[in-house]
Amino acid sequence: MNITDFISKVEEEFEDIKPNSLSPGDVLQEKFTWDSINALIFLAHVNVEYDVEITAEELIKSVTVQDLYNLVESKVNGKQ
């Protein structure tokens, strides 16, 4: 997994994010509506796509796209 692929998959998952519009340093709340519904969508996406689970508390601590990537990557690497 790399950040470019991760970002592409996130952009595909959310209709209100235009392709190639996210970068690692982007603040999530500035780029799209980061509400409870989108948080649940993201949690489900991570579970299906990467076969890991993250908690709502862990998700809340993520401010940027890079934070989300680091969180998911740490979970994926922890399974290996």
C-alpha atoms as a PDB file:
ATOM      1  CA  MET A   1       0.000   0.000   0.000  1.00  0.00           C
ATOM      2  CA  ASN A   2       1.227   3.491  -0.799  1.00  0.00           C
ATOM      3  CA  ILE A   3      -0.237   6.939  -0.214  1.00  0.00           C
ATOM      4  CA  THR A   4      -1.075   7.517  -3.887  1.00  0.00           C
ATOM      5  CA  ASP A   5      -3.165   4.349  -4.134  1.00  0.00           C
ATOM      6  CA  PHE A   6      -4.782   5.076  -0.780  1.00  0.00           C
ATOM      7  CA  ILE A   7      -5.807   8.569  -1.879  1.00  0.00           C
ATOM      8  CA  SER A   8      -7.200   7.260  -5.182  1.00  0.00           C
ATOM      9  CA  LYS A   9      -9.350   4.725  -3.364  1.00  0.00           C
ATOM     10  CA  VAL A  10     -10.635   7.343  -0.919  1.00  0.00           C
ATOM     11  CA  GLU A  11     -11.496   9.659  -3.825  1.00  0.00           C
ATOM     12  CA  GLU A  12     -13.405   6.824  -5.519  1.00  0.00           C
ATOM     13  CA  GLU A  13     -15.336   6.015  -2.340  1.00  0.00           C
ATOM     14  CA  PHE A  14     -16.750   9.511  -1.783  1.00  0.00           C
ATOM     15  CA  GLU A  15     -18.876  11.141  -4.456  1.00  0.00           C
ATOM     16  CA  ASP A  16     -18.175  14.671  -3.252  1.00  0.00           C
ATOM     17  CA  ILE A  17     -14.403  14.314  -3.727  1.00  0.00           C
ATOM     18  CA  LYS A  18     -13.167  14.983  -7.249  1.00  0.00           C
ATOM     19  CA  PRO A  19     -10.513  12.622  -8.617  1.00  0.00           C
ATOM     20  CA  ASN A  20      -6.955  13.859  -8.150  1.00  0.00           C
ATOM     21  CA  SER A  21      -8.067  16.569  -5.733  1.00  0.00           C
ATOM     22  CA  LEU A  22      -6.581  15.223  -2.488  1.00  0.00           C
ATOM     23  CA  SER A  23      -3.007  15.419  -1.306  1.00  0.00           C
ATOM     24  CA  PRO A  24      -1.426  14.012   1.861  1.00  0.00           C
ATOM     25  CA  GLY A  25      -1.339  17.329   3.728  1.00  0.00           C
ATOM     26  CA  ASP A  26      -4.972  18.235   3.070  1.00  0.00           C
ATOM     27  CA  VAL A  27      -7.120  18.798   6.145  1.00  0.00           C
ATOM     28  CA  LEU A  28     -10.122  16.483   5.857  1.00  0.00           C
ATOM     29  CA  GLN A  29     -12.749  18.949   7.050  1.00  0.00           C
ATOM     30  CA  GLU A  30     -11.595  21.496   4.475  1.00  0.00           C
ATOM     31  CA  LYS A  31     -11.870  19.113   1.536  1.00  0.00           C
ATOM     32  CA  PHE A  32     -15.277  17.500   2.028  1.00  0.00           C
ATOM     33  CA  THR A  33     -18.068  17.006   4.496  1.00  0.00           C
ATOM     34  CA  TRP A  34     -16.503  14.928   7.256  1.00  0.00           C
ATOM     35  CA  ASP A  35     -19.625  13.983   9.175  1.00  0.00           C
ATOM     36  CA  SER A  36     -20.762  10.822  10.940  1.00  0.00           C
ATOM     37  CA  ILE A  37     -22.127   9.260   7.737  1.00  0.00           C
ATOM     38  CA  ASN A  38     -18.859   9.791   5.863  1.00  0.00           C
ATOM     39  CA  ALA A  39     -16.926   8.527   8.863  1.00  0.00           C
ATOM     40  CA  LEU A  40     -18.963   5.307   8.812  1.00  0.00           C
ATOM     41  CA  ILE A  41     -18.431   4.987   5.062  1.00  0.00           C
ATOM     42  CA  PHE A  42     -14.700   5.379   5.590  1.00  0.00           C
ATOM     43  CA  LEU A  43     -14.640   2.812   8.406  1.00  0.00           C
ATOM     44  CA  ALA A  44     -16.490   0.315   6.206  1.00  0.00           C
ATOM     45  CA  HIS A  45     -14.218   1.074   3.254  1.00  0.00           C
ATOM     46  CA  VAL A  46     -11.097   0.412   5.323  1.00  0.00           C
ATOM     47  CA  ASN A  47     -12.563  -2.824   6.645  1.00  0.00           C
ATOM     48  CA  VAL A  48     -13.445  -4.122   3.176  1.00  0.00           C
ATOM     49  CA  GLU A  49     -10.464  -2.765   1.238  1.00  0.00           C
ATOM     50  CA  TYR A  50      -7.670  -3.418   3.745  1.00  0.00           C
ATOM     51  CA  ASP A  51      -9.233  -6.007   6.086  1.00  0.00           C
ATOM     52  CA  VAL A  52      -8.509  -3.954   9.199  1.00  0.00           C
ATOM     53  CA  GLU A  53     -10.686  -2.188  11.724  1.00  0.00           C
ATOM     54  CA  ILE A  54     -10.143   1.259  13.103  1.00  0.00           C
ATOM     55  CA  THR A  55     -12.098   2.806  15.911  1.00  0.00           C
ATOM     56  CA  ALA A  56     -14.077   6.020  15.819  1.00  0.00           C
ATOM     57  CA  GLU A  57     -11.672   7.426  18.416  1.00  0.00           C
ATOM     58  CA  GLU A  58      -8.689   6.683  16.169  1.00  0.00           C
ATOM     59  CA  LEU A  59     -10.508   8.223  13.229  1.00  0.00           C
ATOM     60  CA  ILE A  60     -11.338  11.405  15.154  1.00  0.00           C
ATOM     61  CA  LYS A  61      -7.647  11.951  15.869  1.00  0.00           C
ATOM     62  CA  SER A  62      -6.893  11.994  12.133  1.00  0.00           C
ATOM     63  CA  VAL A  63      -6.773  15.548  10.853  1.00  0.00           C
ATOM     64  CA  THR A  64      -5.119  15.176   7.462  1.00  0.00           C
ATOM     65  CA  VAL A  65      -5.197  12.658   4.639  1.00  0.00           C
ATOM     66  CA  GLN A  66      -1.687  11.633   5.703  1.00  0.00           C
ATOM     67  CA  ASP A  67      -2.970  10.957   9.228  1.00  0.00           C
ATOM     68  CA  LEU A  68      -5.628   8.619   7.808  1.00  0.00           C
ATOM     69  CA  TYR A  69      -3.077   6.851   5.655  1.00  0.00           C
ATOM     70  CA  ASN A  70      -0.671   6.434   8.581  1.00  0.00           C
ATOM     71  CA  LEU A  71      -3.466   5.018  10.721  1.00  0.00           C
ATOM     72  CA  VAL A  72      -4.567   2.473   8.128  1.00  0.00           C
ATOM     73  CA  GLU A  73      -0.988   1.572   7.214  1.00  0.00           C
ATOM     74  CA  SER A  74      -0.119   0.938  10.871  1.00  0.00           C
ATOM     75  CA  LYS A  75      -3.081  -1.417  11.175  1.00  0.00           C
ATOM     76  CA  VAL A  76      -2.235  -3.244   7.946  1.00  0.00           C
ATOM     77  CA  ASN A  77       1.424  -3.616   8.946  1.00  0.00           C
ATOM     78  CA  GLY A  78       0.381  -4.782  12.414  1.00  0.00           C
ATOM     79  CA  LYS A  79      -1.432  -7.746  10.865  1.00  0.00           C
ATOM     80  CA  GLN A  80       1.616  -9.024   9.016  1.00  0.00           C
END
